[in-house]
C-alpha atoms as a PDB file:
ATOM      1  CA  MET A   1     -62.799  78.149 137.680  1.00  0.00           C
ATOM      2  CA  LYS A   2     -64.935  81.148 137.985  1.00  0.00           C
ATOM      3  CA  THR A   3     -63.425  84.421 138.738  1.00  0.00           C
ATOM      4  CA  HIS A   4     -65.139  87.211 140.393  1.00  0.00           C
ATOM      5  CA  LEU A   5     -63.804  90.766 139.594  1.00  0.00           C
ATOM      6  CA  SER A   6     -64.743  93.694 141.400  1.00  0.00           C
ATOM      7  CA  ILE A   7     -66.701  96.900 139.769  1.00  0.00           C
ATOM      8  CA  ALA A   8     -63.544  98.752 139.666  1.00  0.00           C
ATOM      9  CA  ALA A   9     -61.791  96.003 137.468  1.00  0.00           C
ATOM     10  CA  ILE A  10     -64.901  95.512 135.296  1.00  0.00           C
ATOM     11  CA  LEU A  11     -64.965  99.413 134.803  1.00  0.00           C
ATOM     12  CA  ALA A  12     -61.429  99.203 133.956  1.00  0.00           C
ATOM     13  CA  LEU A  13     -61.780  96.548 131.176  1.00  0.00           C
ATOM     14  CA  SER A  14     -64.844  98.166 129.655  1.00  0.00           C
ATOM     15  CA  SER A  15     -63.280 101.629 129.499  1.00  0.00           C
ATOM     16  CA  GLY A  16     -60.136  99.921 127.934  1.00  0.00           C
ATOM     17  CA  LEU A  17     -58.029 102.209 130.071  1.00  0.00           C
ATOM     18  CA  ALA A  18     -54.872 101.044 132.222  1.00  0.00           C
ATOM     19  CA  VAL A  19     -55.489  97.435 131.518  1.00  0.00           C
ATOM     20  CA  PRO A  20     -52.749  95.994 129.412  1.00  0.00           C
ATOM     21  CA  VAL A  21     -54.638  92.814 127.926  1.00  0.00           C
ATOM     22  CA  HIS A  22     -52.009  90.551 126.879  1.00  0.00           C
ATOM     23  CA  ALA A  23     -52.094  89.055 123.354  1.00  0.00           C
ATOM     24  CA  GLN A  24     -52.471  85.229 123.127  1.00  0.00           C
ATOM     25  CA  GLY A  25     -49.474  83.273 123.922  1.00  0.00           C
ATOM     26  CA  GLU A  26     -47.800  86.220 125.334  1.00  0.00           C
ATOM     27  CA  VAL A  27     -46.746  86.150 129.198  1.00  0.00           C
ATOM     28  CA  GLY A  28     -47.788  88.905 131.290  1.00  0.00           C
ATOM     29  CA  ALA A  29     -46.584  89.746 134.740  1.00  0.00           C
ATOM     30  CA  CYS A  30     -47.151  92.435 137.339  1.00  0.00           C
ATOM     31  CA  LEU A  31     -44.945  94.167 139.929  1.00  0.00           C
ATOM     32  CA  ILE A  32     -46.813  96.009 142.637  1.00  0.00           C
ATOM     33  CA  THR A  33     -44.521  98.010 145.051  1.00  0.00           C
ATOM     34  CA  LYS A  34     -45.195 100.160 147.973  1.00  0.00           C
ATOM     35  CA  THR A  35     -44.000 103.270 146.442  1.00  0.00           C
ATOM     36  CA  ASP A  36     -41.866 104.229 143.354  1.00  0.00           C
ATOM     37  CA  ILE A  37     -39.783 106.489 145.018  1.00  0.00           C
ATOM     38  CA  ASN A  38     -37.963 104.636 147.857  1.00  0.00           C
ATOM     39  CA  PRO A  39     -34.451 103.454 146.277  1.00  0.00           C
ATOM     40  CA  PHE A  40     -35.385  99.906 147.502  1.00  0.00           C
ATOM     41  CA  PHE A  41     -38.428  99.654 145.231  1.00  0.00           C
ATOM     42  CA  VAL A  42     -36.847 101.535 142.479  1.00  0.00           C
ATOM     43  CA  LYS A  43     -34.087  99.028 142.234  1.00  0.00           C
ATOM     44  CA  MET A  44     -36.638  96.064 142.659  1.00  0.00           C
ATOM     45  CA  LYS A  45     -38.425  97.769 139.604  1.00  0.00           C
ATOM     46  CA  GLU A  46     -35.015  97.864 137.570  1.00  0.00           C
ATOM     47  CA  GLY A  47     -34.250  94.146 138.516  1.00  0.00           C
ATOM     48  CA  ALA A  48     -37.526  93.201 137.248  1.00  0.00           C
ATOM     49  CA  SER A  49     -37.719  94.988 134.271  1.00  0.00           C
ATOM     50  CA  ALA A  50     -34.253  93.661 133.291  1.00  0.00           C
ATOM     51  CA  LYS A  51     -35.152  90.147 133.667  1.00  0.00           C
ATOM     52  CA  ALA A  52     -38.482  90.555 132.014  1.00  0.00           C
ATOM     53  CA  GLU A  53     -36.958  92.003 128.967  1.00  0.00           C
ATOM     54  CA  GLU A  54     -34.303  89.115 129.020  1.00  0.00           C
ATOM     55  CA  LEU A  55     -37.208  86.392 129.003  1.00  0.00           C
ATOM     56  CA  GLY A  56     -39.584  88.195 126.791  1.00  0.00           C
ATOM     57  CA  ILE A  57     -42.062  88.814 129.830  1.00  0.00           C
ATOM     58  CA  ASN A  58     -44.670  91.735 129.318  1.00  0.00           C
ATOM     59  CA  LEU A  59     -44.274  93.496 132.776  1.00  0.00           C
ATOM     60  CA  SER A  60     -46.552  95.896 134.040  1.00  0.00           C
ATOM     61  CA  THR A  61     -45.510  98.047 136.983  1.00  0.00           C
ATOM     62  CA  TYR A  62     -47.550  99.638 139.811  1.00  0.00           C
ATOM     63  CA  ALA A  63     -46.974 101.448 143.206  1.00  0.00           C
ATOM     64  CA  GLY A  64     -48.853 102.929 145.965  1.00  0.00           C
ATOM     65  CA  LYS A  65     -48.585 106.889 146.302  1.00  0.00           C
ATOM     66  CA  VAL A  66     -47.196 106.393 149.633  1.00  0.00           C
ATOM     67  CA  ASP A  67     -45.888 103.768 151.675  1.00  0.00           C
ATOM     68  CA  GLY A  68     -49.300 102.479 153.317  1.00  0.00           C
ATOM     69  CA  ASP A  69     -51.361 103.094 150.293  1.00  0.00           C
ATOM     70  CA  HIS A  70     -53.326  99.757 150.497  1.00  0.00           C
ATOM     71  CA  GLU A  71     -56.158 100.800 148.151  1.00  0.00           C
ATOM     72  CA  THR A  72     -53.990 101.288 145.214  1.00  0.00           C
ATOM     73  CA  GLN A  73     -52.321  98.052 145.570  1.00  0.00           C
ATOM     74  CA  VAL A  74     -55.895  96.533 145.780  1.00  0.00           C
ATOM     75  CA  GLN A  75     -56.782  98.190 142.502  1.00  0.00           C
ATOM     76  CA  ALA A  76     -53.651  97.194 141.011  1.00  0.00           C
ATOM     77  CA  ILE A  77     -54.060  93.497 141.535  1.00  0.00           C
ATOM     78  CA  GLU A  78     -57.559  93.743 140.190  1.00  0.00           C
ATOM     79  CA  THR A  79     -56.120  95.373 137.042  1.00  0.00           C
ATOM     80  CA  CYS A  80     -53.661  92.520 136.803  1.00  0.00           C
ATOM     81  CA  ILE A  81     -56.393  89.869 137.036  1.00  0.00           C
ATOM     82  CA  ALA A  82     -58.561  91.519 134.416  1.00  0.00           C
ATOM     83  CA  SER A  83     -55.397  91.850 132.021  1.00  0.00           C
ATOM     84  CA  GLY A  84     -54.758  88.209 131.932  1.00  0.00           C
ATOM     85  CA  ALA A  85     -51.491  88.322 133.384  1.00  0.00           C
ATOM     86  CA  LYS A  86     -49.733  85.016 134.550  1.00  0.00           C
ATOM     87  CA  GLY A  87     -48.462  86.256 137.887  1.00  0.00           C
ATOM     88  CA  ILE A  88     -48.133  89.286 140.461  1.00  0.00           C
ATOM     89  CA  LEU A  89     -44.926  90.241 142.287  1.00  0.00           C
ATOM     90  CA  ILE A  90     -46.043  92.502 145.482  1.00  0.00           C
ATOM     91  CA  THR A  91     -44.572  94.310 148.270  1.00  0.00           C
ATOM     92  CA  ALA A  92     -47.756  94.611 150.382  1.00  0.00           C
ATOM     93  CA  SER A  93     -48.420  97.733 152.244  1.00  0.00           C
ATOM     94  CA  ASP A  94     -50.894  95.971 154.509  1.00  0.00           C
ATOM     95  CA  THR A  95     -49.996  92.370 154.759  1.00  0.00           C
ATOM     96  CA  LYS A  96     -53.146  91.290 156.305  1.00  0.00           C
ATOM     97  CA  ALA A  97     -55.870  93.446 154.444  1.00  0.00           C
ATOM     98  CA  ILE A  98     -54.346  92.573 151.124  1.00  0.00           C
ATOM     99  CA  VAL A  99     -55.166  88.763 151.366  1.00  0.00           C
ATOM    100  CA  PRO A 100     -58.750  88.717 150.208  1.00  0.00           C
ATOM    101  CA  VAL A 101     -57.797  90.163 146.803  1.00  0.00           C
ATOM    102  CA  VAL A 102     -54.735  88.195 146.625  1.00  0.00           C
ATOM    103  CA  GLN A 103     -56.728  85.182 147.006  1.00  0.00           C
ATOM    104  CA  GLN A 104     -58.945  86.389 144.258  1.00  0.00           C
ATOM    105  CA  ALA A 105     -55.856  86.556 141.997  1.00  0.00           C
ATOM    106  CA  ARG A 106     -54.719  82.918 142.901  1.00  0.00           C
ATOM    107  CA  GLU A 107     -58.486  81.526 142.376  1.00  0.00           C
ATOM    108  CA  ALA A 108     -58.201  83.284 138.815  1.00  0.00           C
ATOM    109  CA  GLY A 109     -55.054  81.177 138.269  1.00  0.00           C
ATOM    110  CA  LEU A 110     -52.356  83.681 138.779  1.00  0.00           C
ATOM    111  CA  LEU A 111     -48.988  83.104 140.577  1.00  0.00           C
ATOM    112  CA  VAL A 112     -48.677  85.373 143.450  1.00  0.00           C
ATOM    113  CA  ILE A 113     -45.323  85.943 144.979  1.00  0.00           C
ATOM    114  CA  ALA A 114     -44.696  88.096 147.909  1.00  0.00           C
ATOM    115  CA  LEU A 115     -41.277  90.228 147.664  1.00  0.00           C
ATOM    116  CA  ASP A 116     -39.417  91.278 150.955  1.00  0.00           C
ATOM    117  CA  THR A 117     -42.638  91.585 153.013  1.00  0.00           C
ATOM    118  CA  PRO A 118     -44.300  88.260 153.854  1.00  0.00           C
ATOM    119  CA  LEU A 119     -48.219  88.222 153.706  1.00  0.00           C
ATOM    120  CA  GLU A 120     -50.219  87.197 156.849  1.00  0.00           C
ATOM    121  CA  PRO A 121     -50.431  84.426 156.875  1.00  0.00           C
ATOM    122  CA  ILE A 122     -47.256  83.657 154.737  1.00  0.00           C
ATOM    123  CA  ASP A 123     -49.012  80.927 152.904  1.00  0.00           C
ATOM    124  CA  SER A 124     -51.583  83.579 151.649  1.00  0.00           C
ATOM    125  CA  ALA A 125     -49.239  83.919 148.564  1.00  0.00           C
ATOM    126  CA  ASP A 126     -47.766  81.185 146.519  1.00  0.00           C
ATOM    127  CA  ALA A 127     -44.249  81.887 147.535  1.00  0.00           C
ATOM    128  CA  THR A 128     -42.248  84.682 149.201  1.00  0.00           C
ATOM    129  CA  PHE A 129     -38.860  85.836 148.056  1.00  0.00           C
ATOM    130  CA  ALA A 130     -37.217  87.944 150.896  1.00  0.00           C
ATOM    131  CA  THR A 131     -34.500  88.790 153.195  1.00  0.00           C
ATOM    132  CA  ASP A 132     -34.761  86.875 156.420  1.00  0.00           C
ATOM    133  CA  ASN A 133     -36.021  90.285 157.909  1.00  0.00           C
ATOM    134  CA  PHE A 134     -35.971  88.931 161.550  1.00  0.00           C
ATOM    135  CA  LYS A 135     -32.150  87.994 161.059  1.00  0.00           C
ATOM    136  CA  ALA A 136     -31.576  91.512 159.568  1.00  0.00           C
ATOM    137  CA  GLY A 137     -33.103  93.133 162.783  1.00  0.00           C
ATOM    138  CA  GLU A 138     -31.183  90.504 164.865  1.00  0.00           C
ATOM    139  CA  LEU A 139     -27.761  91.442 163.228  1.00  0.00           C
ATOM    140  CA  ILE A 140     -28.155  95.136 164.200  1.00  0.00           C
ATOM    141  CA  GLY A 141     -29.358  94.383 167.598  1.00  0.00           C
ATOM    142  CA  ALA A 142     -26.555  92.220 168.407  1.00  0.00           C
ATOM    143  CA  TRP A 143     -24.161  94.549 166.894  1.00  0.00           C
ATOM    144  CA  ALA A 144     -25.548  97.444 168.907  1.00  0.00           C
ATOM    145  CA  ALA A 145     -25.519  95.427 172.104  1.00  0.00           C
ATOM    146  CA  ALA A 146     -21.786  94.471 171.669  1.00  0.00           C
ATOM    147  CA  GLN A 147     -20.780  98.024 171.094  1.00  0.00           C
ATOM    148  CA  LEU A 148     -22.292  99.260 174.212  1.00  0.00           C
ATOM    149  CA  GLY A 149     -20.990  96.089 176.325  1.00  0.00           C
ATOM    150  CA  ASP A 150     -21.917  96.570 180.080  1.00  0.00           C
ATOM    151  CA  ALA A 151     -23.722  99.803 179.268  1.00  0.00           C
ATOM    152  CA  ALA A 152     -26.458  97.952 177.002  1.00  0.00           C
ATOM    153  CA  ALA A 153     -27.894  97.093 180.383  1.00  0.00           C
ATOM    154  CA  ASP A 154     -28.833 100.870 180.872  1.00  0.00           C
ATOM    155  CA  ALA A 155     -29.505 101.761 177.360  1.00  0.00           C
ATOM    156  CA  LYS A 156     -32.277 104.040 176.343  1.00  0.00           C
ATOM    157  CA  ILE A 157     -33.818 102.754 173.042  1.00  0.00           C
ATOM    158  CA  GLY A 158     -36.090 104.694 170.468  1.00  0.00           C
ATOM    159  CA  MET A 159     -37.815 102.385 168.081  1.00  0.00           C
ATOM    160  CA  LEU A 160     -38.682 103.972 164.526  1.00  0.00           C
ATOM    161  CA  ASP A 161     -41.142 101.698 163.032  1.00  0.00           C
ATOM    162  CA  LEU A 162     -42.848 101.418 159.742  1.00  0.00           C
ATOM    163  CA  ALA A 163     -46.818 102.001 160.407  1.00  0.00           C
ATOM    164  CA  ASP A 164     -49.365 101.350 162.785  1.00  0.00           C
ATOM    165  CA  SER A 165     -50.993  98.626 160.862  1.00  0.00           C
ATOM    166  CA  GLN A 166     -47.815  96.768 161.741  1.00  0.00           C
ATOM    167  CA  PRO A 167     -46.909  94.827 158.386  1.00  0.00           C
ATOM    168  CA  SER A 168     -44.941  91.838 158.676  1.00  0.00           C
ATOM    169  CA  VAL A 169     -41.677  93.439 157.591  1.00  0.00           C
ATOM    170  CA  GLY A 170     -41.863  96.017 160.274  1.00  0.00           C
ATOM    171  CA  VAL A 171     -42.577  93.444 163.036  1.00  0.00           C
ATOM    172  CA  LEU A 172     -39.986  91.178 161.917  1.00  0.00           C
ATOM    173  CA  ARG A 173     -37.153  93.866 161.742  1.00  0.00           C
ATOM    174  CA  ASP A 174     -38.376  95.504 165.210  1.00  0.00           C
ATOM    175  CA  GLN A 175     -38.581  92.055 166.781  1.00  0.00           C
ATOM    176  CA  GLY A 176     -35.229  90.823 165.467  1.00  0.00           C
ATOM    177  CA  PHE A 177     -33.646  93.793 166.946  1.00  0.00           C
ATOM    178  CA  LEU A 178     -35.066  93.504 170.203  1.00  0.00           C
ATOM    179  CA  GLN A 179     -33.899  89.996 170.440  1.00  0.00           C
ATOM    180  CA  GLY A 180     -30.530  90.536 169.125  1.00  0.00           C
ATOM    181  CA  PHE A 181     -29.938  93.466 171.720  1.00  0.00           C
ATOM    182  CA  GLY A 182     -31.489  91.035 174.611  1.00  0.00           C
ATOM    183  CA  VAL A 183     -34.715  92.351 175.104  1.00  0.00           C
ATOM    184  CA  ASP A 184     -37.415  89.734 176.105  1.00  0.00           C
ATOM    185  CA  LEU A 185     -40.214  89.535 173.482  1.00  0.00           C
ATOM    186  CA  VAL A 186     -43.678  89.121 174.668  1.00  0.00           C
ATOM    187  CA  ASP A 187     -45.527  88.385 171.147  1.00  0.00           C
ATOM    188  CA  PRO A 188     -43.233  88.211 168.485  1.00  0.00           C
ATOM    189  CA  SER A 189     -45.956  88.756 166.084  1.00  0.00           C
ATOM    190  CA  ARG A 190     -46.491  92.407 167.009  1.00  0.00           C
ATOM    191  CA  TRP A 191     -44.425  95.172 168.320  1.00  0.00           C
ATOM    192  CA  GLY A 192     -45.027  97.863 171.299  1.00  0.00           C
ATOM    193  CA  ASP A 193     -46.037  95.083 173.840  1.00  0.00           C
ATOM    194  CA  GLU A 194     -42.560  94.881 175.540  1.00  0.00           C
ATOM    195  CA  ASP A 195     -42.192  95.777 179.272  1.00  0.00           C
ATOM    196  CA  ASP A 196     -38.497  96.486 179.017  1.00  0.00           C
ATOM    197  CA  ALA A 197     -37.691  99.674 180.880  1.00  0.00           C
ATOM    198  CA  ARG A 198     -35.131 100.504 178.275  1.00  0.00           C
ATOM    199  CA  ILE A 199     -37.527 100.963 175.512  1.00  0.00           C
ATOM    200  CA  VAL A 200     -38.411 104.733 175.594  1.00  0.00           C
ATOM    201  CA  GLY A 201     -41.057 104.086 172.937  1.00  0.00           C
ATOM    202  CA  ASN A 202     -42.332 103.498 169.326  1.00  0.00           C
ATOM    203  CA  GLU A 203     -43.096 106.033 166.837  1.00  0.00           C
ATOM    204  CA  VAL A 204     -43.934 105.330 163.109  1.00  0.00           C
ATOM    205  CA  THR A 205     -42.217 106.969 160.229  1.00  0.00           C
ATOM    206  CA  ALA A 206     -43.747 105.578 156.880  1.00  0.00           C
ATOM    207  CA  GLY A 207     -40.210 104.527 156.053  1.00  0.00           C
ATOM    208  CA  ASN A 208     -39.340 108.078 154.734  1.00  0.00           C
ATOM    209  CA  GLU A 209     -37.088 110.745 155.915  1.00  0.00           C
ATOM    210  CA  GLU A 210     -39.655 113.111 157.062  1.00  0.00           C
ATOM    211  CA  GLY A 211     -41.475 110.415 159.022  1.00  0.00           C
ATOM    212  CA  GLY A 212     -37.929 109.531 160.642  1.00  0.00           C
ATOM    213  CA  ARG A 213     -37.238 113.085 161.782  1.00  0.00           C
ATOM    214  CA  THR A 214     -40.785 113.447 163.182  1.00  0.00           C
ATOM    215  CA  ALA A 215     -40.800 110.184 164.884  1.00  0.00           C
ATOM    216  CA  MET A 216     -37.364 110.934 166.513  1.00  0.00           C
ATOM    217  CA  GLU A 217     -38.330 114.580 167.694  1.00  0.00           C
ATOM    218  CA  SER A 218     -41.336 112.894 169.492  1.00  0.00           C
ATOM    219  CA  LEU A 219     -39.237 110.275 171.112  1.00  0.00           C
ATOM    220  CA  MET A 220     -36.533 112.888 172.224  1.00  0.00           C
ATOM    221  CA  ILE A 221     -39.261 115.091 173.645  1.00  0.00           C
ATOM    222  CA  LYS A 222     -40.394 112.053 175.684  1.00  0.00           C
ATOM    223  CA  ASP A 223     -36.744 111.292 176.866  1.00  0.00           C
ATOM    224  CA  PRO A 224     -33.840 113.304 175.562  1.00  0.00           C
ATOM    225  CA  GLY A 225     -31.520 110.748 177.137  1.00  0.00           C
ATOM    226  CA  ILE A 226     -32.093 108.228 174.109  1.00  0.00           C
ATOM    227  CA  ASN A 227     -28.417 106.646 173.090  1.00  0.00           C
ATOM    228  CA  VAL A 228     -29.730 103.764 170.862  1.00  0.00           C
ATOM    229  CA  VAL A 229     -32.307 104.220 167.773  1.00  0.00           C
ATOM    230  CA  TYR A 230     -33.539 101.361 165.849  1.00  0.00           C
ATOM    231  CA  THR A 231     -34.963 102.498 162.258  1.00  0.00           C
ATOM    232  CA  ILE A 232     -37.052 100.459 160.040  1.00  0.00           C
ATOM    233  CA  ASN A 233     -35.036 101.428 157.063  1.00  0.00           C
ATOM    234  CA  GLU A 234     -32.366 104.037 155.887  1.00  0.00           C
ATOM    235  CA  PRO A 235     -34.398 106.929 154.905  1.00  0.00           C
ATOM    236  CA  ALA A 236     -36.045 106.778 158.190  1.00  0.00           C
ATOM    237  CA  ALA A 237     -32.570 107.013 159.839  1.00  0.00           C
ATOM    238  CA  ALA A 238     -31.357 109.643 157.982  1.00  0.00           C
ATOM    239  CA  GLY A 239     -34.488 111.868 159.049  1.00  0.00           C
ATOM    240  CA  ALA A 240     -33.803 110.548 162.723  1.00  0.00           C
ATOM    241  CA  TYR A 241     -30.182 111.847 162.360  1.00  0.00           C
ATOM    242  CA  GLU A 242     -31.202 115.198 161.360  1.00  0.00           C
ATOM    243  CA  ALA A 243     -33.414 115.530 164.360  1.00  0.00           C
ATOM    244  CA  LEU A 244     -30.938 114.547 166.624  1.00  0.00           C
ATOM    245  CA  LYS A 245     -28.644 117.152 165.294  1.00  0.00           C
ATOM    246  CA  ALA A 246     -31.062 119.787 166.102  1.00  0.00           C
ATOM    247  CA  PHE A 247     -31.275 118.582 169.620  1.00  0.00           C
ATOM    248  CA  GLY A 248     -27.336 118.596 169.660  1.00  0.00           C
ATOM    249  CA  ARG A 249     -27.352 114.592 170.381  1.00  0.00           C
ATOM    250  CA  GLU A 250     -25.950 113.238 166.918  1.00  0.00           C
ATOM    251  CA  ASP A 251     -22.651 112.209 168.389  1.00  0.00           C
ATOM    252  CA  LYS A 252     -24.088 110.645 171.355  1.00  0.00           C
ATOM    253  CA  VAL A 253     -26.589 108.331 169.889  1.00  0.00           C
ATOM    254  CA  MET A 254     -26.150 105.064 168.031  1.00  0.00           C
ATOM    255  CA  ILE A 255     -28.270 104.669 164.957  1.00  0.00           C
ATOM    256  CA  VAL A 256     -28.881 101.398 163.346  1.00  0.00           C
ATOM    257  CA  SER A 257     -31.006 100.342 160.411  1.00  0.00           C
ATOM    258  CA  VAL A 258     -31.955  97.926 157.465  1.00  0.00           C
ATOM    259  CA  ASP A 259     -31.638  98.370 153.750  1.00  0.00           C
ATOM    260  CA  GLY A 260     -28.158  98.366 152.322  1.00  0.00           C
ATOM    261  CA  GLY A 261     -28.702 101.056 149.642  1.00  0.00           C
ATOM    262  CA  CYS A 262     -25.841 102.996 148.329  1.00  0.00           C
ATOM    263  CA  PRO A 263     -27.048 106.211 150.362  1.00  0.00           C
ATOM    264  CA  GLY A 264     -27.486 104.245 153.473  1.00  0.00           C
ATOM    265  CA  VAL A 265     -23.978 102.452 153.127  1.00  0.00           C
ATOM    266  CA  GLN A 266     -22.480 105.918 152.578  1.00  0.00           C
ATOM    267  CA  ASN A 267     -24.032 107.090 155.850  1.00  0.00           C
ATOM    268  CA  VAL A 268     -22.595 104.207 157.590  1.00  0.00           C
ATOM    269  CA  ALA A 269     -19.218 105.135 156.123  1.00  0.00           C
ATOM    270  CA  ASP A 270     -19.731 108.683 157.392  1.00  0.00           C
ATOM    271  CA  GLY A 271     -20.718 107.775 160.852  1.00  0.00           C
ATOM    272  CA  VAL A 272     -24.479 108.887 160.658  1.00  0.00           C
ATOM    273  CA  ILE A 273     -25.485 105.156 160.902  1.00  0.00           C
ATOM    274  CA  GLY A 274     -23.513 102.600 162.979  1.00  0.00           C
ATOM    275  CA  ALA A 275     -24.457  99.457 161.232  1.00  0.00           C
ATOM    276  CA  THR A 276     -27.187  98.540 158.512  1.00  0.00           C
ATOM    277  CA  SER A 277     -28.477  95.169 157.459  1.00  0.00           C
ATOM    278  CA  GLN A 278     -28.137  94.681 153.551  1.00  0.00           C
ATOM    279  CA  GLN A 279     -30.760  93.247 151.513  1.00  0.00           C
ATOM    280  CA  TYR A 280     -30.758  92.715 147.647  1.00  0.00           C
ATOM    281  CA  PRO A 281     -33.967  93.819 146.067  1.00  0.00           C
ATOM    282  CA  LEU A 282     -32.856  93.489 142.549  1.00  0.00           C
ATOM    283  CA  LEU A 283     -32.186  89.671 143.184  1.00  0.00           C
ATOM    284  CA  MET A 284     -35.574  89.276 144.830  1.00  0.00           C
ATOM    285  CA  ALA A 285     -37.488  90.980 141.845  1.00  0.00           C
ATOM    286  CA  SER A 286     -35.439  89.034 138.990  1.00  0.00           C
ATOM    287  CA  LEU A 287     -36.040  85.666 140.670  1.00  0.00           C
ATOM    288  CA  GLY A 288     -39.699  86.539 141.021  1.00  0.00           C
ATOM    289  CA  VAL A 289     -39.854  87.093 137.267  1.00  0.00           C
ATOM    290  CA  GLU A 290     -37.925  83.960 136.458  1.00  0.00           C
ATOM    291  CA  ALA A 291     -40.462  82.119 138.727  1.00  0.00           C
ATOM    292  CA  ILE A 292     -43.570  83.730 136.817  1.00  0.00           C
ATOM    293  CA  ALA A 293     -41.804  82.511 133.489  1.00  0.00           C
ATOM    294  CA  ALA A 294     -41.370  78.997 134.778  1.00  0.00           C
ATOM    295  CA  PHE A 295     -44.978  78.847 136.298  1.00  0.00           C
ATOM    296  CA  ALA A 296     -46.482  80.094 132.971  1.00  0.00           C
ATOM    297  CA  ALA A 297     -44.287  77.212 131.153  1.00  0.00           C
ATOM    298  CA  ASP A 298     -45.191  74.359 132.866  1.00  0.00           C
ATOM    299  CA  GLY A 299     -47.082  75.224 136.368  1.00  0.00           C
ATOM    300  CA  THR A 300     -43.794  75.057 138.529  1.00  0.00           C
ATOM    301  CA  ILE A 301     -44.320  76.673 142.004  1.00  0.00           C
ATOM    302  CA  PRO A 302     -41.287  78.158 143.619  1.00  0.00           C
ATOM    303  CA  GLU A 303     -39.827  76.104 146.773  1.00  0.00           C
ATOM    304  CA  PRO A 304     -38.747  77.842 149.974  1.00  0.00           C
ATOM    305  CA  THR A 305     -35.387  77.623 151.296  1.00  0.00           C
ATOM    306  CA  GLU A 306     -35.005  74.560 153.392  1.00  0.00           C
ATOM    307  CA  GLY A 307     -36.113  75.013 156.955  1.00  0.00           C
ATOM    308  CA  LEU A 308     -37.890  78.348 156.148  1.00  0.00           C
ATOM    309  CA  GLY A 309     -41.242  79.462 155.026  1.00  0.00           C
ATOM    310  CA  PHE A 310     -39.838  81.599 152.345  1.00  0.00           C
ATOM    311  CA  PHE A 311     -36.899  81.738 149.616  1.00  0.00           C
ATOM    312  CA  ASP A 312     -34.096  83.503 151.440  1.00  0.00           C
ATOM    313  CA  THR A 313     -32.426  86.118 149.132  1.00  0.00           C
ATOM    314  CA  GLY A 314     -29.613  86.905 151.778  1.00  0.00           C
ATOM    315  CA  VAL A 315     -28.562  89.644 154.321  1.00  0.00           C
ATOM    316  CA  SER A 316     -25.014  91.054 155.399  1.00  0.00           C
ATOM    317  CA  LEU A 317     -24.188  93.321 158.213  1.00  0.00           C
ATOM    318  CA  VAL A 318     -22.365  96.487 156.964  1.00  0.00           C
ATOM    319  CA  THR A 319     -20.453  98.108 159.460  1.00  0.00           C
ATOM    320  CA  ASP A 320     -16.714  99.636 159.799  1.00  0.00           C
ATOM    321  CA  GLN A 321     -16.729  98.820 163.364  1.00  0.00           C
ATOM    322  CA  PRO A 322     -16.942  94.991 163.511  1.00  0.00           C
ATOM    323  CA  VAL A 323     -17.544  93.145 166.862  1.00  0.00           C
ATOM    324  CA  ASP A 324     -16.604  89.715 167.899  1.00  0.00           C
ATOM    325  CA  GLY A 325     -19.508  87.154 167.106  1.00  0.00           C
ATOM    326  CA  VAL A 326     -21.389  89.386 164.661  1.00  0.00           C
ATOM    327  CA  GLU A 327     -20.529  88.421 161.032  1.00  0.00           C
ATOM    328  CA  SER A 328     -20.171  91.593 159.007  1.00  0.00           C
ATOM    329  CA  ILE A 329     -18.523  93.318 155.932  1.00  0.00           C
ATOM    330  CA  ASP A 330     -17.092  96.690 155.751  1.00  0.00           C
ATOM    331  CA  THR A 331     -18.579  99.554 153.734  1.00  0.00           C
ATOM    332  CA  ALA A 332     -16.242  99.168 150.931  1.00  0.00           C
ATOM    333  CA  GLU A 333     -17.789  95.713 150.336  1.00  0.00           C
ATOM    334  CA  GLY A 334     -21.245  97.260 151.064  1.00  0.00           C
ATOM    335  CA  MET A 335     -20.907  99.747 148.335  1.00  0.00           C
ATOM    336  CA  ASP A 336     -19.846  97.141 145.792  1.00  0.00           C
ATOM    337  CA  ARG A 337     -23.071  95.374 146.582  1.00  0.00           C
ATOM    338  CA  CYS A 338     -25.312  98.252 147.246  1.00  0.00           C
ATOM    339  CA  TRP A 339     -28.232  99.747 145.283  1.00  0.00           C
ATOM    340  CA  GLY A 340     -29.949 102.956 144.625  1.00  0.00           C
END
């Protein structure tokens, strides 16, 4: 099968820089994350590195400069193809735009596994190891609605999303939250098209604290009566809380989130976040490395969880305010399982 490399990859090969060409018989793998500073991706790298060392895999790691840095991820895939790696694990910043270069990698004989964030369409990767992100959103939405009770009918909801490009992980969490809260979805494949009067608006955060603060400020200017805030992740939630403090509203607004990192679980214990859905990035990454090793040995392709289009690595709602009908664990157990 012929492999067509981009000019960038060819130049990288000819320069001898940044392309770790693997020795004959050595299994190479690549981990490409959205950033290398978010604790979620730090833990993912830790899990992949530990498993690679255990299995004798030569792991190369790459990350975008910021969440949303699509071009750096494209360059990383091209480098992995050129290096002779057997497989790629990727959390894609742009789940649609990354597909053509992923296809190049698969045509070159690499196993491509999406971690946490499904590509669009999902079968653009050979496999996906992920939290059920829709369920993660649904859990925090159902919890928030139950906490409010009858007052949920008059809630004012601020939606702090990930990026305007609407990567799948952001859409799934957003839409899961809304469904769990009792909002009718219009097109579940995108956010922002809902006509429920309870939604004040959607703002993007880039999944970081500064972005969460700025997004929350924008929504509060639009409607200072917001009393429920969905956040794409816990760094965005922390930023939202700081903005609410500046408005004197931190004790009047319920924040929910997704991640389950140790700082986020501590924020649940401290009352900053009401509830968060905990996911398990170390498990995702270690299983991904195992899958690349198996593929290199005998061509095995990972199978999805029965009834799903991906391998489900689990999710747990973490809160110290449990509600009937929504299964959860408390923050003590959440801290035992957390990361970062």
